[in-house]
């Protein structure tokens, strides 16, 4: 069973990754930007990565018979926003990482100023992609999708999560499960919730289905973040492509720090089952999305 799950998921992941990377390279190569700035953007986006977020959009979209020529737009937008976040996460004023995906971080490769400008350019271009006339969905739906995207990224979402994550590093701040849940939902969960929601939204899913998809995405965010914290403690730096044991060094608010490693692993198992149960409410063939849960729980990078 495990081998079958691996074969199916790995095949689908590789297929989607190849398609999305080809589209990303094409659209970024065509932009009218100074050559050095374009190089920063291309490097940040095409220097590796599993493309999990675009994959989730593609899988949910496929449940509702949305064509790749349509769902590729939110896929590209989410990956550019994600890569923007990685550039900023790695900056000396943030988490100060020299490695990303086994290669020099963008600010190391190009310098801090170009990293800032390249990251901002990727984020703003993500909005261009969602607003594109070639993204052929109704304008009303396009505006609604951009609004949800903004909330997932901006002062209510990922950027707020990064702020709270940095605030929690202060020794005067005592971490609690409530604070941890708030940080991980904003920093990780809302973007994954957008991925699940977007696929259903452009596929005309029902209101109830959209609620289920959004909640499922938040659960994926919890699973993703907890696995990240475990990998920082037990992972292999070569496989991860970034330094390990940084959470303790930087006094990060992690579930491991609050409740210990054994508790954290038990929570991961519990959330995994809850996420699978949530998928059953969709009454669709969601086995690949179920495989994604197992993949996120057992990943080594």
Protein backbone atom coordinates (compact mmCIF):
# COMPACT_ATOMS: atom_id res chain seq x y z
CA UNK A 1 0.00 0.00 0.00
CA UNK A 2 2.82 2.35 0.96
CA UNK A 3 4.61 1.65 -2.33
CA UNK A 4 1.43 2.30 -4.31
CA UNK A 5 0.88 5.60 -2.50
CA UNK A 6 4.48 6.62 -3.18
CA UNK A 7 4.26 5.74 -6.86
CA UNK A 8 0.97 7.56 -7.45
CA UNK A 9 1.91 10.67 -5.49
CA UNK A 10 5.47 10.93 -6.80
CA UNK A 11 4.23 10.61 -10.37
CA UNK A 12 1.58 13.31 -9.90
CA UNK A 13 4.01 15.59 -8.05
CA UNK A 14 6.66 15.25 -10.75
CA UNK A 15 4.14 15.87 -13.53
CA UNK A 16 2.74 19.00 -11.90
CA UNK A 17 6.17 20.29 -10.89
CA UNK A 18 7.43 19.99 -14.47
CA UNK A 19 4.36 21.76 -15.87
CA UNK A 20 4.34 24.62 -13.36
CA UNK A 21 8.10 25.20 -13.56
CA UNK A 22 7.87 25.40 -17.34
CA UNK A 23 5.09 27.98 -17.03
CA UNK A 24 6.98 29.93 -14.35
CA UNK A 25 10.15 30.04 -16.42
CA UNK A 26 8.20 31.18 -19.46
CA UNK A 27 6.33 33.98 -17.70
CA UNK A 28 9.37 35.23 -15.76
CA UNK A 29 11.64 35.16 -18.80
CA UNK A 30 9.22 37.46 -20.62
CA UNK A 31 9.06 40.22 -18.01
CA UNK A 32 10.43 43.67 -18.84
CA UNK A 33 12.77 44.20 -15.89
CA UNK A 34 16.46 45.12 -15.51
CA UNK A 35 18.52 42.03 -16.21
CA UNK A 36 20.00 41.72 -12.68
CA UNK A 37 16.53 42.00 -11.12
CA UNK A 38 15.17 39.36 -13.47
CA UNK A 39 18.08 37.08 -12.51
CA UNK A 40 17.18 37.44 -8.83
CA UNK A 41 13.55 36.56 -9.52
CA UNK A 42 14.43 33.55 -11.67
CA UNK A 43 16.96 32.28 -9.15
CA UNK A 44 14.54 32.60 -6.23
CA UNK A 45 11.75 30.75 -8.03
CA UNK A 46 13.64 28.14 -10.04
CA UNK A 47 16.39 27.09 -7.61
CA UNK A 48 14.53 24.01 -6.43
CA UNK A 49 11.49 23.29 -4.30
CA UNK A 50 8.78 20.63 -4.27
CA UNK A 51 5.97 22.93 -5.54
CA UNK A 52 3.58 21.53 -2.93
CA UNK A 53 1.33 24.60 -2.94
CA UNK A 54 0.75 24.62 -6.72
CA UNK A 55 0.26 20.85 -6.54
CA UNK A 56 -2.52 21.22 -3.97
CA UNK A 57 -4.24 23.82 -6.16
CA UNK A 58 -3.97 21.51 -9.17
CA UNK A 59 -5.34 18.49 -7.28
CA UNK A 60 -8.30 20.35 -5.80
CA UNK A 61 -8.99 22.00 -9.17
CA UNK A 62 -8.99 18.59 -10.82
CA UNK A 63 -11.74 17.42 -8.46
CA UNK A 64 -13.93 20.07 -10.10
CA UNK A 65 -12.76 19.51 -13.70
CA UNK A 66 -10.84 22.78 -13.94
CA UNK A 67 -8.35 22.77 -16.83
CA UNK A 68 -4.60 23.30 -16.32
CA UNK A 69 -4.76 26.33 -18.60
CA UNK A 70 -6.98 27.95 -15.93
CA UNK A 71 -5.57 26.71 -12.63
CA UNK A 72 -1.99 27.45 -13.68
CA UNK A 73 -2.54 31.13 -12.84
CA UNK A 74 -3.22 30.74 -9.10
CA UNK A 75 -0.51 28.05 -9.08
CA UNK A 76 2.09 30.50 -10.41
CA UNK A 77 0.86 33.31 -8.15
CA UNK A 78 1.06 31.21 -5.00
CA UNK A 79 4.55 29.95 -5.84
CA UNK A 80 5.84 33.48 -6.42
CA UNK A 81 4.33 34.63 -3.12
CA UNK A 82 5.87 31.62 -1.37
CA UNK A 83 9.30 32.31 -2.88
CA UNK A 84 9.00 35.96 -1.83
CA UNK A 85 8.43 34.75 1.74
CA UNK A 86 11.51 32.50 1.61
CA UNK A 87 13.71 35.37 0.43
CA UNK A 88 12.52 37.54 3.32
CA UNK A 89 12.65 34.72 5.89
CA UNK A 90 16.34 34.18 5.12
CA UNK A 91 17.39 37.82 5.47
CA UNK A 92 19.82 38.72 8.29
CA UNK A 93 17.13 40.87 9.94
CA UNK A 94 14.74 37.89 9.99
CA UNK A 95 15.94 34.27 10.42
CA UNK A 96 19.42 34.92 9.01
CA UNK A 97 19.88 31.78 6.87
CA UNK A 98 22.68 31.42 4.34
CA UNK A 99 21.23 28.28 2.75
CA UNK A 100 17.95 27.62 1.01
CA UNK A 101 17.16 24.44 -0.93
CA UNK A 102 20.82 23.47 -0.61
CA UNK A 103 22.00 26.62 -2.38
CA UNK A 104 23.08 30.10 -1.24
CA UNK A 105 20.14 32.18 -0.05
CA UNK A 106 19.14 35.01 -2.36
CA UNK A 107 20.75 37.73 -0.22
CA UNK A 108 23.99 35.74 -0.14
CA UNK A 109 23.98 35.16 -3.88
CA UNK A 110 22.97 38.68 -4.90
CA UNK A 111 23.19 40.97 -1.78
CA UNK A 112 20.49 42.20 0.59
CA UNK A 113 19.22 45.13 -1.49
CA UNK A 114 18.65 42.97 -4.56
CA UNK A 115 17.04 40.28 -2.40
CA UNK A 116 14.56 42.83 -1.03
CA UNK A 117 13.77 44.21 -4.47
CA UNK A 118 13.53 40.78 -6.07
CA UNK A 119 11.22 39.50 -3.35
CA UNK A 120 8.94 42.53 -3.58
CA UNK A 121 8.89 42.16 -7.37
CA UNK A 122 7.78 38.53 -7.08
CA UNK A 123 4.98 39.40 -4.69
CA UNK A 124 3.64 42.24 -6.82
CA UNK A 125 3.93 40.12 -9.96
CA UNK A 126 1.81 37.44 -8.27
CA UNK A 127 -1.04 39.96 -8.27
CA UNK A 128 -0.43 40.75 -11.95
CA UNK A 129 -0.85 37.06 -12.71
CA UNK A 130 -4.14 36.76 -10.83
CA UNK A 131 -5.43 39.93 -12.51
CA UNK A 132 -4.31 38.82 -15.99
CA UNK A 133 -6.90 38.85 -18.76
CA UNK A 134 -5.57 35.44 -19.76
CA UNK A 135 -6.79 34.04 -16.45
CA UNK A 136 -10.24 33.46 -17.89
CA UNK A 137 -12.66 33.39 -15.00
CA UNK A 138 -15.38 35.93 -14.25
CA UNK A 139 -14.06 39.31 -13.11
CA UNK A 140 -16.19 39.10 -9.96
CA UNK A 141 -14.59 35.79 -9.03
CA UNK A 142 -11.14 37.11 -9.91
CA UNK A 143 -11.58 40.07 -7.53
CA UNK A 144 -12.83 37.78 -4.76
CA UNK A 145 -9.84 35.45 -5.26
CA UNK A 146 -7.37 38.36 -5.14
CA UNK A 147 -8.99 39.55 -1.91
CA UNK A 148 -8.59 36.11 -0.27
CA UNK A 149 -5.02 35.94 -1.57
CA UNK A 150 -4.27 39.36 -0.01
CA UNK A 151 -5.69 38.31 3.35
CA UNK A 152 -3.60 35.12 3.32
CA UNK A 153 -0.38 37.07 2.69
CA UNK A 154 -0.67 40.53 4.23
CA UNK A 155 -1.18 42.04 7.67
CA UNK A 156 -3.83 39.44 8.56
CA UNK A 157 -1.87 36.50 7.22
CA UNK A 158 1.66 35.40 6.41
CA UNK A 159 3.34 38.74 7.15
CA UNK A 160 1.51 38.99 10.47
CA UNK A 161 2.66 35.45 11.23
CA UNK A 162 6.26 36.37 10.51
CA UNK A 163 5.96 39.40 12.79
CA UNK A 164 4.51 37.30 15.63
CA UNK A 165 7.15 34.63 15.06
CA UNK A 166 9.93 37.19 15.51
CA UNK A 167 8.19 38.75 18.52
CA UNK A 168 7.94 35.33 20.18
CA UNK A 169 11.74 34.97 20.05
CA UNK A 170 12.10 37.61 22.77
CA UNK A 171 13.07 36.00 26.05
CA UNK A 172 10.40 38.01 27.86
CA UNK A 173 7.69 36.32 25.78
CA UNK A 174 6.57 32.97 27.22
CA UNK A 175 5.32 30.66 24.45
CA UNK A 176 1.92 29.01 24.84
CA UNK A 177 -0.03 26.61 22.64
CA UNK A 178 -2.51 29.40 21.88
CA UNK A 179 0.30 31.69 20.69
CA UNK A 180 1.89 28.88 18.69
CA UNK A 181 -1.40 28.04 16.96
CA UNK A 182 -1.95 31.70 16.08
CA UNK A 183 1.57 32.05 14.62
CA UNK A 184 1.45 28.86 12.55
CA UNK A 185 -2.06 29.56 11.23
CA UNK A 186 -1.06 32.99 9.98
CA UNK A 187 2.47 32.14 8.82
CA UNK A 188 1.74 28.77 7.19
CA UNK A 189 -1.91 27.76 7.41
CA UNK A 190 -3.67 30.60 5.60
CA UNK A 191 -1.59 30.22 2.44
CA UNK A 192 -2.33 26.48 2.29
CA UNK A 193 -5.98 27.21 3.03
CA UNK A 194 -5.96 29.58 0.04
CA UNK A 195 -4.54 26.79 -2.14
CA UNK A 196 -7.35 24.41 -1.20
CA UNK A 197 -10.04 27.08 -1.42
CA UNK A 198 -8.84 28.48 -4.76
CA UNK A 199 -9.10 25.14 -6.55
CA UNK A 200 -12.69 24.69 -5.40
CA UNK A 201 -13.61 28.32 -5.96
CA UNK A 202 -12.59 28.44 -9.62
CA UNK A 203 -14.29 25.04 -10.03
CA UNK A 204 -17.64 26.34 -8.71
CA UNK A 205 -17.65 24.21 -5.57
CA UNK A 206 -20.60 24.64 -3.23
CA UNK A 207 -20.41 26.92 -0.19
CA UNK A 208 -20.24 23.88 2.09
CA UNK A 209 -17.46 22.31 0.02
CA UNK A 210 -15.49 25.56 0.12
CA UNK A 211 -15.76 25.64 3.91
CA UNK A 212 -14.48 22.06 4.09
CA UNK A 213 -11.61 22.82 1.70
CA UNK A 214 -10.59 25.92 3.64
CA UNK A 215 -10.62 24.06 6.96
CA UNK A 216 -8.67 21.21 5.38
CA UNK A 217 -6.05 23.72 4.22
CA UNK A 218 -5.68 25.09 7.74
CA UNK A 219 -5.14 21.53 8.97
CA UNK A 220 -2.44 21.02 6.33
CA UNK A 221 -0.79 24.16 7.66
CA UNK A 222 -0.65 22.69 11.16
CA UNK A 223 0.78 19.44 9.82
CA UNK A 224 3.33 21.27 7.68
CA UNK A 225 4.55 23.51 10.50
CA UNK A 226 4.79 20.75 13.10
CA UNK A 227 6.73 18.56 10.66
CA UNK A 228 9.05 21.52 10.00
CA UNK A 229 9.69 21.86 13.72
CA UNK A 230 10.44 18.14 14.07
CA UNK A 231 12.79 18.26 11.08
CA UNK A 232 14.67 21.17 12.64
CA UNK A 233 15.25 18.93 15.66
CA UNK A 234 15.85 15.57 13.95
CA UNK A 235 16.36 16.32 10.25
CA UNK A 236 19.41 15.98 8.03
CA UNK A 237 20.88 19.31 6.91
CA UNK A 238 21.94 17.89 3.54
CA UNK A 239 18.44 16.58 2.78
CA UNK A 240 16.74 19.70 4.13
CA UNK A 241 19.00 22.07 2.22
CA UNK A 242 19.13 24.42 5.21
CA UNK A 243 20.62 24.54 8.69
CA UNK A 244 19.08 22.49 11.50
CA UNK A 245 18.68 23.15 15.25
CA UNK A 246 18.00 26.83 14.58
CA UNK A 247 14.69 26.92 16.47
CA UNK A 248 16.40 26.49 19.83
CA UNK A 249 19.19 28.91 18.93
CA UNK A 250 16.67 31.59 18.00
CA UNK A 251 14.22 30.81 20.83
CA UNK A 252 11.40 30.02 18.39
CA UNK A 253 7.89 29.38 19.70
CA UNK A 254 7.45 25.76 18.64
CA UNK A 255 5.19 23.03 19.93
CA UNK A 256 8.33 21.05 20.80
CA UNK A 257 9.53 23.84 23.05
CA UNK A 258 6.13 24.18 24.72
CA UNK A 259 5.17 20.51 25.18
CA UNK A 260 8.13 18.36 24.15
CA UNK A 261 9.00 16.14 21.18
CA UNK A 262 6.83 13.13 22.07
CA UNK A 263 3.74 15.29 22.55
CA UNK A 264 4.44 17.02 19.23
CA UNK A 265 4.71 13.73 17.33
CA UNK A 266 1.44 12.54 18.86
CA UNK A 267 -0.24 15.79 17.82
CA UNK A 268 1.04 15.33 14.27
CA UNK A 269 -0.55 11.88 14.13
CA UNK A 270 -3.81 13.24 15.54
CA UNK A 271 -3.99 16.15 13.09
CA UNK A 272 -3.20 13.79 10.21
CA UNK A 273 -6.24 11.65 11.00
CA UNK A 274 -8.44 14.70 11.48
CA UNK A 275 -7.41 16.03 8.07
CA UNK A 276 -8.24 12.68 6.42
CA UNK A 277 -11.63 12.67 8.11
CA UNK A 278 -12.26 16.20 6.84
CA UNK A 279 -11.68 15.05 3.25
CA UNK A 280 -14.44 12.44 3.60
CA UNK A 281 -16.97 15.27 3.83
CA UNK A 282 -16.31 16.22 0.18
CA UNK A 283 -17.78 13.01 -1.25
CA UNK A 284 -15.17 12.99 -4.03
CA UNK A 285 -12.14 10.89 -4.96
CA UNK A 286 -9.68 12.60 -2.63
CA UNK A 287 -7.16 9.76 -2.27
CA UNK A 288 -4.32 11.84 -3.74
CA UNK A 289 -5.02 14.66 -1.26
CA UNK A 290 -5.02 12.03 1.48
CA UNK A 291 -1.61 10.87 0.22
CA UNK A 292 -0.43 14.48 0.51
CA UNK A 293 -1.16 14.35 4.24
CA UNK A 294 1.04 11.25 4.61
CA UNK A 295 3.70 12.87 2.46
CA UNK A 296 3.80 16.02 4.58
CA UNK A 297 4.00 13.99 7.79
CA UNK A 298 6.85 11.79 6.58
CA UNK A 299 8.86 14.25 4.49
CA UNK A 300 12.59 14.59 5.06
CA UNK A 301 13.06 17.94 3.29
